[in-house]
Amino acid sequence: MPKVKTEYQVAVGALVSAIQKEWHAEAGTSTSEFSNDVLDAAHSLLQCRDPQKAVELLGPLSVQQFLGEVWIRRHRIVLDSVSRVQAAIEATKDS
């Protein structure tokens, strides 16, 4: 039986995918290392597998702050994915 993914897992998976697309597009440019750092941070969120663990990882930071607000502003295409991850985490905090 296939494992059912939570809303958090789906959202963070989509976020990693969106960041990977931006990272691939920047490969070999002067900004690719910055994008790689953001991708690594997103993978850390993915490894949490649970929004409660993500809360611990983030501490007082939002997802956008954790990934890097400057990078997010320059890659607005991932903003919707960032918002979905943040909403999944906030839903856990509220329950």
PDB file of N, CA and C in Angstrom:
ATOM      1  N   MET A   1       0.848  -1.173   0.000  1.00  0.00           N
ATOM      2  CA  MET A   1       0.000   0.000   0.000  1.00  0.00           C
ATOM      3  C   MET A   1       0.895   1.239   0.000  1.00  0.00           C
ATOM      4  N   PRO A   2       0.648   2.189  -0.908  1.00  0.00           N
ATOM      5  CA  PRO A   2       1.467   3.389  -0.961  1.00  0.00           C
ATOM      6  C   PRO A   2       1.284   4.245   0.288  1.00  0.00           C
ATOM      7  N   LYS A   3       2.385   4.842   0.710  1.00  0.00           N
ATOM      8  CA  LYS A   3       2.340   5.707   1.880  1.00  0.00           C
ATOM      9  C   LYS A   3       1.649   7.021   1.514  1.00  0.00           C
ATOM     10  N   VAL A   4       0.755   7.466   2.363  1.00  0.00           N
ATOM     11  CA  VAL A   4       0.036   8.713   2.138  1.00  0.00           C
ATOM     12  C   VAL A   4       0.881   9.857   2.679  1.00  0.00           C
ATOM     13  N   LYS A   5       1.119  10.847   1.840  1.00  0.00           N
ATOM     14  CA  LYS A   5       1.917  12.000   2.249  1.00  0.00           C
ATOM     15  C   LYS A   5       1.026  13.035   2.904  1.00  0.00           C
ATOM     16  N   THR A   6       1.585  13.699   3.891  1.00  0.00           N
ATOM     17  CA  THR A   6       0.863  14.773   4.569  1.00  0.00           C
ATOM     18  C   THR A   6       0.898  16.030   3.711  1.00  0.00           C
ATOM     19  N   GLU A   7       0.077  16.988   4.073  1.00  0.00           N
ATOM     20  CA  GLU A   7       0.054  18.276   3.387  1.00  0.00           C
ATOM     21  C   GLU A   7       1.452  18.918   3.448  1.00  0.00           C
ATOM     22  N   TYR A   8       2.100  18.815   4.599  1.00  0.00           N
ATOM     23  CA  TYR A   8       3.449  19.366   4.749  1.00  0.00           C
ATOM     24  C   TYR A   8       4.423  18.703   3.784  1.00  0.00           C
ATOM     25  N   GLN A   9       4.401  17.391   3.706  1.00  0.00           N
ATOM     26  CA  GLN A   9       5.335  16.671   2.840  1.00  0.00           C
ATOM     27  C   GLN A   9       5.125  17.023   1.368  1.00  0.00           C
ATOM     28  N   VAL A  10       3.879  17.139   0.950  1.00  0.00           N
ATOM     29  CA  VAL A  10       3.579  17.511  -0.431  1.00  0.00           C
ATOM     30  C   VAL A  10       4.073  18.935  -0.710  1.00  0.00           C
ATOM     31  N   ALA A  11       3.804  19.849   0.230  1.00  0.00           N
ATOM     32  CA  ALA A  11       4.195  21.248   0.048  1.00  0.00           C
ATOM     33  C   ALA A  11       5.709  21.409   0.002  1.00  0.00           C
ATOM     34  N   VAL A  12       6.407  20.748   0.902  1.00  0.00           N
ATOM     35  CA  VAL A  12       7.861  20.903   0.922  1.00  0.00           C
ATOM     36  C   VAL A  12       8.498  20.195  -0.278  1.00  0.00           C
ATOM     37  N   GLY A  13       7.907  19.117  -0.744  1.00  0.00           N
ATOM     38  CA  GLY A  13       8.388  18.453  -1.957  1.00  0.00           C
ATOM     39  C   GLY A  13       8.259  19.360  -3.168  1.00  0.00           C
ATOM     40  N   ALA A  14       7.141  20.054  -3.272  1.00  0.00           N
ATOM     41  CA  ALA A  14       6.932  21.002  -4.372  1.00  0.00           C
ATOM     42  C   ALA A  14       7.907  22.175  -4.265  1.00  0.00           C
ATOM     43  N   LEU A  15       8.192  22.601  -3.044  1.00  0.00           N
ATOM     44  CA  LEU A  15       9.151  23.679  -2.834  1.00  0.00           C
ATOM     45  C   LEU A  15      10.547  23.273  -3.304  1.00  0.00           C
ATOM     46  N   VAL A  16      10.979  22.096  -2.913  1.00  0.00           N
ATOM     47  CA  VAL A  16      12.292  21.602  -3.343  1.00  0.00           C
ATOM     48  C   VAL A  16      12.352  21.535  -4.863  1.00  0.00           C
ATOM     49  N   SER A  17      11.306  21.041  -5.480  1.00  0.00           N
ATOM     50  CA  SER A  17      11.260  20.945  -6.938  1.00  0.00           C
ATOM     51  C   SER A  17      11.360  22.327  -7.591  1.00  0.00           C
ATOM     52  N   ALA A  18      10.639  23.300  -7.065  1.00  0.00           N
ATOM     53  CA  ALA A  18      10.671  24.660  -7.623  1.00  0.00           C
ATOM     54  C   ALA A  18      12.061  25.273  -7.471  1.00  0.00           C
ATOM     55  N   ILE A  19      12.687  25.058  -6.334  1.00  0.00           N
ATOM     56  CA  ILE A  19      14.032  25.594  -6.114  1.00  0.00           C
ATOM     57  C   ILE A  19      15.032  24.897  -7.029  1.00  0.00           C
ATOM     58  N   GLN A  20      14.873  23.590  -7.214  1.00  0.00           N
ATOM     59  CA  GLN A  20      15.771  22.857  -8.107  1.00  0.00           C
ATOM     60  C   GLN A  20      15.724  23.413  -9.528  1.00  0.00           C
ATOM     61  N   LYS A  21      14.539  23.775  -9.994  1.00  0.00           N
ATOM     62  CA  LYS A  21      14.411  24.347 -11.337  1.00  0.00           C
ATOM     63  C   LYS A  21      15.202  25.645 -11.450  1.00  0.00           C
ATOM     64  N   GLU A  22      15.106  26.476 -10.417  1.00  0.00           N
ATOM     65  CA  GLU A  22      15.855  27.735 -10.416  1.00  0.00           C
ATOM     66  C   GLU A  22      17.356  27.469 -10.329  1.00  0.00           C
ATOM     67  N   TRP A  23      17.739  26.508  -9.529  1.00  0.00           N
ATOM     68  CA  TRP A  23      19.142  26.131  -9.360  1.00  0.00           C
ATOM     69  C   TRP A  23      19.724  25.635 -10.685  1.00  0.00           C
ATOM     70  N   HIS A  24      18.968  24.791 -11.378  1.00  0.00           N
ATOM     71  CA  HIS A  24      19.419  24.286 -12.681  1.00  0.00           C
ATOM     72  C   HIS A  24      19.568  25.427 -13.689  1.00  0.00           C
ATOM     73  N   ALA A  25      18.635  26.350 -13.662  1.00  0.00           N
ATOM     74  CA  ALA A  25      18.689  27.473 -14.592  1.00  0.00           C
ATOM     75  C   ALA A  25      19.918  28.354 -14.352  1.00  0.00           C
ATOM     76  N   GLU A  26      20.406  28.374 -13.113  1.00  0.00           N
ATOM     77  CA  GLU A  26      21.551  29.209 -12.765  1.00  0.00           C
ATOM     78  C   GLU A  26      22.880  28.460 -12.786  1.00  0.00           C
ATOM     79  N   ALA A  27      22.861  27.196 -13.112  1.00  0.00           N
ATOM     80  CA  ALA A  27      24.093  26.395 -13.092  1.00  0.00           C
ATOM     81  C   ALA A  27      25.196  27.092 -13.881  1.00  0.00           C
ATOM     82  N   GLY A  28      26.356  27.206 -13.250  1.00  0.00           N
ATOM     83  CA  GLY A  28      27.509  27.813 -13.902  1.00  0.00           C
ATOM     84  C   GLY A  28      27.567  29.323 -13.813  1.00  0.00           C
ATOM     85  N   THR A  29      26.574  29.947 -13.211  1.00  0.00           N
ATOM     86  CA  THR A  29      26.591  31.399 -13.062  1.00  0.00           C
ATOM     87  C   THR A  29      27.155  31.772 -11.696  1.00  0.00           C
ATOM     88  N   SER A  30      27.370  33.049 -11.490  1.00  0.00           N
ATOM     89  CA  SER A  30      27.937  33.519 -10.225  1.00  0.00           C
ATOM     90  C   SER A  30      26.976  33.344  -9.053  1.00  0.00           C
ATOM     91  N   THR A  31      25.691  33.153  -9.325  1.00  0.00           N
ATOM     92  CA  THR A  31      24.708  33.014  -8.240  1.00  0.00           C
ATOM     93  C   THR A  31      24.354  31.552  -7.936  1.00  0.00           C
ATOM     94  N   SER A  32      24.941  30.623  -8.662  1.00  0.00           N
ATOM     95  CA  SER A  32      24.555  29.221  -8.479  1.00  0.00           C
ATOM     96  C   SER A  32      24.899  28.688  -7.089  1.00  0.00           C
ATOM     97  N   GLU A  33      25.965  29.184  -6.478  1.00  0.00           N
ATOM     98  CA  GLU A  33      26.313  28.705  -5.134  1.00  0.00           C
ATOM     99  C   GLU A  33      25.275  29.152  -4.111  1.00  0.00           C
ATOM    100  N   PHE A  34      24.788  30.373  -4.250  1.00  0.00           N
ATOM    101  CA  PHE A  34      23.742  30.880  -3.374  1.00  0.00           C
ATOM    102  C   PHE A  34      22.487  30.022  -3.524  1.00  0.00           C
ATOM    103  N   SER A  35      22.133  29.704  -4.760  1.00  0.00           N
ATOM    104  CA  SER A  35      20.973  28.858  -5.010  1.00  0.00           C
ATOM    105  C   SER A  35      21.176  27.458  -4.444  1.00  0.00           C
ATOM    106  N   ASN A  36      22.389  26.965  -4.505  1.00  0.00           N
ATOM    107  CA  ASN A  36      22.685  25.652  -3.934  1.00  0.00           C
ATOM    108  C   ASN A  36      22.483  25.659  -2.413  1.00  0.00           C
ATOM    109  N   ASP A  37      22.869  26.751  -1.768  1.00  0.00           N
ATOM    110  CA  ASP A  37      22.660  26.868  -0.315  1.00  0.00           C
ATOM    111  C   ASP A  37      21.167  26.862   0.021  1.00  0.00           C
ATOM    112  N   VAL A  38      20.374  27.544  -0.799  1.00  0.00           N
ATOM    113  CA  VAL A  38      18.920  27.570  -0.589  1.00  0.00           C
ATOM    114  C   VAL A  38      18.345  26.175  -0.800  1.00  0.00           C
ATOM    115  N   LEU A  39      18.830  25.481  -1.800  1.00  0.00           N
ATOM    116  CA  LEU A  39      18.367  24.116  -2.062  1.00  0.00           C
ATOM    117  C   LEU A  39      18.724  23.200  -0.894  1.00  0.00           C
ATOM    118  N   ASP A  40      19.910  23.360  -0.340  1.00  0.00           N
ATOM    119  CA  ASP A  40      20.306  22.572   0.833  1.00  0.00           C
ATOM    120  C   ASP A  40      19.372  22.845   2.010  1.00  0.00           C
ATOM    121  N   ALA A  41      19.030  24.110   2.215  1.00  0.00           N
ATOM    122  CA  ALA A  41      18.120  24.468   3.308  1.00  0.00           C
ATOM    123  C   ALA A  41      16.741  23.845   3.088  1.00  0.00           C
ATOM    124  N   ALA A  42      16.273  23.855   1.852  1.00  0.00           N
ATOM    125  CA  ALA A  42      14.976  23.242   1.535  1.00  0.00           C
ATOM    126  C   ALA A  42      15.022  21.737   1.773  1.00  0.00           C
ATOM    127  N   HIS A  43      16.138  21.113   1.455  1.00  0.00           N
ATOM    128  CA  HIS A  43      16.281  19.678   1.722  1.00  0.00           C
ATOM    129  C   HIS A  43      16.245  19.395   3.227  1.00  0.00           C
ATOM    130  N   SER A  44      16.763  20.316   4.023  1.00  0.00           N
ATOM    131  CA  SER A  44      16.677  20.154   5.480  1.00  0.00           C
ATOM    132  C   SER A  44      15.219  20.132   5.927  1.00  0.00           C
ATOM    133  N   LEU A  45      14.409  20.995   5.324  1.00  0.00           N
ATOM    134  CA  LEU A  45      12.974  20.985   5.633  1.00  0.00           C
ATOM    135  C   LEU A  45      12.330  19.681   5.180  1.00  0.00           C
ATOM    136  N   LEU A  46      12.742  19.183   4.032  1.00  0.00           N
ATOM    137  CA  LEU A  46      12.200  17.929   3.510  1.00  0.00           C
ATOM    138  C   LEU A  46      12.549  16.766   4.425  1.00  0.00           C
ATOM    139  N   GLN A  47      13.742  16.768   4.960  1.00  0.00           N
ATOM    140  CA  GLN A  47      14.171  15.680   5.846  1.00  0.00           C
ATOM    141  C   GLN A  47      13.411  15.674   7.160  1.00  0.00           C
ATOM    142  N   CYS A  48      12.834  16.803   7.539  1.00  0.00           N
ATOM    143  CA  CYS A  48      12.045  16.849   8.777  1.00  0.00           C
ATOM    144  C   CYS A  48      10.860  15.891   8.703  1.00  0.00           C
ATOM    145  N   ARG A  49      10.254  15.750   7.524  1.00  0.00           N
ATOM    146  CA  ARG A  49       9.141  14.853   7.263  1.00  0.00           C
ATOM    147  C   ARG A  49       7.912  15.126   8.126  1.00  0.00           C
ATOM    148  N   ASP A  50       8.017  16.030   9.053  1.00  0.00           N
ATOM    149  CA  ASP A  50       6.930  16.317   9.974  1.00  0.00           C
ATOM    150  C   ASP A  50       6.976  17.812  10.295  1.00  0.00           C
ATOM    151  N   PRO A  51       5.852  18.493  10.241  1.00  0.00           N
ATOM    152  CA  PRO A  51       5.874  19.933  10.500  1.00  0.00           C
ATOM    153  C   PRO A  51       6.341  20.300  11.904  1.00  0.00           C
ATOM    154  N   GLN A  52       6.115  19.430  12.876  1.00  0.00           N
ATOM    155  CA  GLN A  52       6.593  19.714  14.237  1.00  0.00           C
ATOM    156  C   GLN A  52       8.117  19.783  14.274  1.00  0.00           C
ATOM    157  N   LYS A  53       8.761  18.885  13.537  1.00  0.00           N
ATOM    158  CA  LYS A  53      10.224  18.908  13.465  1.00  0.00           C
ATOM    159  C   LYS A  53      10.698  20.132  12.693  1.00  0.00           C
ATOM    160  N   ALA A  54       9.929  20.546  11.707  1.00  0.00           N
ATOM    161  CA  ALA A  54      10.266  21.754  10.953  1.00  0.00           C
ATOM    162  C   ALA A  54      10.212  22.978  11.862  1.00  0.00           C
ATOM    163  N   VAL A  55       9.237  23.010  12.752  1.00  0.00           N
ATOM    164  CA  VAL A  55       9.133  24.115  13.720  1.00  0.00           C
ATOM    165  C   VAL A  55      10.409  24.181  14.556  1.00  0.00           C
ATOM    166  N   GLU A  56      10.894  23.024  14.984  1.00  0.00           N
ATOM    167  CA  GLU A  56      12.135  22.973  15.766  1.00  0.00           C
ATOM    168  C   GLU A  56      13.315  23.460  14.929  1.00  0.00           C
ATOM    169  N   LEU A  57      13.380  23.041  13.679  1.00  0.00           N
ATOM    170  CA  LEU A  57      14.463  23.447  12.789  1.00  0.00           C
ATOM    171  C   LEU A  57      14.440  24.956  12.546  1.00  0.00           C
ATOM    172  N   LEU A  58      13.259  25.491  12.284  1.00  0.00           N
ATOM    173  CA  LEU A  58      13.132  26.909  11.958  1.00  0.00           C
ATOM    174  C   LEU A  58      13.360  27.822  13.152  1.00  0.00           C
ATOM    175  N   GLY A  59      13.024  27.336  14.350  1.00  0.00           N
ATOM    176  CA  GLY A  59      13.113  28.204  15.522  1.00  0.00           C
ATOM    177  C   GLY A  59      12.192  29.398  15.327  1.00  0.00           C
ATOM    178  N   PRO A  60      12.706  30.606  15.521  1.00  0.00           N
ATOM    179  CA  PRO A  60      11.851  31.792  15.390  1.00  0.00           C
ATOM    180  C   PRO A  60      11.695  32.279  13.946  1.00  0.00           C
ATOM    181  N   LEU A  61      12.338  31.619  12.998  1.00  0.00           N
ATOM    182  CA  LEU A  61      12.330  32.074  11.607  1.00  0.00           C
ATOM    183  C   LEU A  61      11.116  31.569  10.837  1.00  0.00           C
ATOM    184  N   SER A  62      10.707  32.340   9.851  1.00  0.00           N
ATOM    185  CA  SER A  62       9.706  31.861   8.894  1.00  0.00           C
ATOM    186  C   SER A  62      10.443  31.020   7.857  1.00  0.00           C
ATOM    187  N   VAL A  63       9.700  30.324   7.032  1.00  0.00           N
ATOM    188  CA  VAL A  63      10.313  29.535   5.960  1.00  0.00           C
ATOM    189  C   VAL A  63      11.090  30.465   5.028  1.00  0.00           C
ATOM    190  N   GLN A  64      10.517  31.603   4.714  1.00  0.00           N
ATOM    191  CA  GLN A  64      11.185  32.553   3.820  1.00  0.00           C
ATOM    192  C   GLN A  64      12.491  33.046   4.430  1.00  0.00           C
ATOM    193  N   GLN A  65      12.502  33.343   5.701  1.00  0.00           N
ATOM    194  CA  GLN A  65      13.727  33.785   6.358  1.00  0.00           C
ATOM    195  C   GLN A  65      14.761  32.664   6.397  1.00  0.00           C
ATOM    196  N   PHE A  66      14.306  31.453   6.658  1.00  0.00           N
ATOM    197  CA  PHE A  66      15.207  30.297   6.733  1.00  0.00           C
ATOM    198  C   PHE A  66      15.891  30.049   5.387  1.00  0.00           C
ATOM    199  N   LEU A  67      15.126  30.164   4.306  1.00  0.00           N
ATOM    200  CA  LEU A  67      15.689  29.929   2.986  1.00  0.00           C
ATOM    201  C   LEU A  67      16.538  31.100   2.503  1.00  0.00           C
ATOM    202  N   GLY A  68      16.145  32.293   2.877  1.00  0.00           N
ATOM    203  CA  GLY A  68      16.871  33.492   2.462  1.00  0.00           C
ATOM    204  C   GLY A  68      15.955  34.446   1.729  1.00  0.00           C
ATOM    205  N   GLU A  69      15.605  35.511   2.410  1.00  0.00           N
ATOM    206  CA  GLU A  69      14.639  36.457   1.838  1.00  0.00           C
ATOM    207  C   GLU A  69      15.133  37.105   0.545  1.00  0.00           C
ATOM    208  N   VAL A  70      16.416  37.379   0.462  1.00  0.00           N
ATOM    209  CA  VAL A  70      16.955  37.997  -0.755  1.00  0.00           C
ATOM    210  C   VAL A  70      16.799  37.047  -1.934  1.00  0.00           C
ATOM    211  N   TRP A  71      17.132  35.787  -1.724  1.00  0.00           N
ATOM    212  CA  TRP A  71      17.018  34.803  -2.798  1.00  0.00           C
ATOM    213  C   TRP A  71      15.557  34.660  -3.233  1.00  0.00           C
ATOM    214  N   ILE A  72      14.657  34.604  -2.265  1.00  0.00           N
ATOM    215  CA  ILE A  72      13.230  34.459  -2.568  1.00  0.00           C
ATOM    216  C   ILE A  72      12.742  35.660  -3.383  1.00  0.00           C
ATOM    217  N   ARG A  73      13.159  36.860  -3.010  1.00  0.00           N
ATOM    218  CA  ARG A  73      12.749  38.058  -3.760  1.00  0.00           C
ATOM    219  C   ARG A  73      13.241  38.009  -5.204  1.00  0.00           C
ATOM    220  N   ARG A  74      14.394  37.415  -5.417  1.00  0.00           N
ATOM    221  CA  ARG A  74      14.950  37.325  -6.767  1.00  0.00           C
ATOM    222  C   ARG A  74      14.379  36.144  -7.556  1.00  0.00           C
ATOM    223  N   HIS A  75      13.701  35.255  -6.866  1.00  0.00           N
ATOM    224  CA  HIS A  75      13.125  34.057  -7.503  1.00  0.00           C
ATOM    225  C   HIS A  75      11.668  33.922  -7.060  1.00  0.00           C
ATOM    226  N   ARG A  76      10.898  34.935  -7.374  1.00  0.00           N
ATOM    227  CA  ARG A  76       9.511  35.016  -6.901  1.00  0.00           C
ATOM    228  C   ARG A  76       8.651  33.841  -7.343  1.00  0.00           C
ATOM    229  N   ILE A  77       9.111  33.109  -8.333  1.00  0.00           N
ATOM    230  CA  ILE A  77       8.355  31.955  -8.822  1.00  0.00           C
ATOM    231  C   ILE A  77       8.183  30.890  -7.734  1.00  0.00           C
ATOM    232  N   VAL A  78       9.062  30.880  -6.739  1.00  0.00           N
ATOM    233  CA  VAL A  78       8.960  29.882  -5.668  1.00  0.00           C
ATOM    234  C   VAL A  78       8.129  30.384  -4.485  1.00  0.00           C
ATOM    235  N   LEU A  79       7.708  31.636  -4.527  1.00  0.00           N
ATOM    236  CA  LEU A  79       7.000  32.232  -3.396  1.00  0.00           C
ATOM    237  C   LEU A  79       5.722  31.485  -3.024  1.00  0.00           C
ATOM    238  N   ASP A  80       4.973  31.029  -4.010  1.00  0.00           N
ATOM    239  CA  ASP A  80       3.748  30.279  -3.723  1.00  0.00           C
ATOM    240  C   ASP A  80       4.067  28.979  -2.968  1.00  0.00           C
ATOM    241  N   SER A  81       5.135  28.314  -3.375  1.00  0.00           N
ATOM    242  CA  SER A  81       5.536  27.072  -2.699  1.00  0.00           C
ATOM    243  C   SER A  81       5.989  27.359  -1.272  1.00  0.00           C
ATOM    244  N   VAL A  82       6.699  28.450  -1.086  1.00  0.00           N
ATOM    245  CA  VAL A  82       7.138  28.850   0.254  1.00  0.00           C
ATOM    246  C   VAL A  82       5.910  29.091   1.133  1.00  0.00           C
ATOM    247  N   SER A  83       4.936  29.787   0.583  1.00  0.00           N
ATOM    248  CA  SER A  83       3.708  30.096   1.337  1.00  0.00           C
ATOM    249  C   SER A  83       2.957  28.827   1.734  1.00  0.00           C
ATOM    250  N   ARG A  84       2.927  27.835   0.839  1.00  0.00           N
ATOM    251  CA  ARG A  84       2.233  26.572   1.160  1.00  0.00           C
ATOM    252  C   ARG A  84       2.923  25.818   2.291  1.00  0.00           C
ATOM    253  N   VAL A  85       4.247  25.818   2.275  1.00  0.00           N
ATOM    254  CA  VAL A  85       4.984  25.159   3.364  1.00  0.00           C
ATOM    255  C   VAL A  85       4.718  25.895   4.669  1.00  0.00           C
ATOM    256  N   GLN A  86       4.788  27.216   4.631  1.00  0.00           N
ATOM    257  CA  GLN A  86       4.541  28.006   5.838  1.00  0.00           C
ATOM    258  C   GLN A  86       3.134  27.745   6.372  1.00  0.00           C
ATOM    259  N   ALA A  87       2.156  27.676   5.488  1.00  0.00           N
ATOM    260  CA  ALA A  87       0.766  27.424   5.917  1.00  0.00           C
ATOM    261  C   ALA A  87       0.626  26.048   6.550  1.00  0.00           C
ATOM    262  N   ALA A  88       1.302  25.044   5.998  1.00  0.00           N
ATOM    263  CA  ALA A  88       1.243  23.686   6.572  1.00  0.00           C
ATOM    264  C   ALA A  88       1.867  23.674   7.964  1.00  0.00           C
ATOM    265  N   ILE A  89       2.922  24.440   8.140  1.00  0.00           N
ATOM    266  CA  ILE A  89       3.566  24.518   9.459  1.00  0.00           C
ATOM    267  C   ILE A  89       2.661  25.270  10.435  1.00  0.00           C
ATOM    268  N   GLU A  90       2.092  26.363   9.993  1.00  0.00           N
ATOM    269  CA  GLU A  90       1.202  27.166  10.858  1.00  0.00           C
ATOM    270  C   GLU A  90      -0.023  26.355  11.273  1.00  0.00           C
ATOM    271  N   ALA A  91      -0.543  25.528  10.385  1.00  0.00           N
ATOM    272  CA  ALA A  91      -1.698  24.695  10.712  1.00  0.00           C
ATOM    273  C   ALA A  91      -1.358  23.746  11.857  1.00  0.00           C
ATOM    274  N   THR A  92      -0.132  23.280  11.886  1.00  0.00           N
ATOM    275  CA  THR A  92       0.311  22.392  12.963  1.00  0.00           C
ATOM    276  C   THR A  92       0.434  23.143  14.274  1.00  0.00           C
ATOM    277  N   LYS A  93       0.940  24.365  14.206  1.00  0.00           N
ATOM    278  CA  LYS A  93       1.090  25.176  15.424  1.00  0.00           C
ATOM    279  C   LYS A  93      -0.265  25.480  16.046  1.00  0.00           C
ATOM    280  N   ASP A  94      -1.276  25.673  15.195  1.00  0.00           N
ATOM    281  CA  ASP A  94      -2.612  26.037  15.674  1.00  0.00           C
ATOM    282  C   ASP A  94      -3.372  24.862  16.267  1.00  0.00           C
ATOM    283  N   SER A  95      -2.942  23.643  15.968  1.00  0.00           N
ATOM    284  CA  SER A  95      -3.714  22.499  16.462  1.00  0.00           C
ATOM    285  C   SER A  95      -3.141  21.932  17.731  1.00  0.00           C
TER     286      SER A  95
END
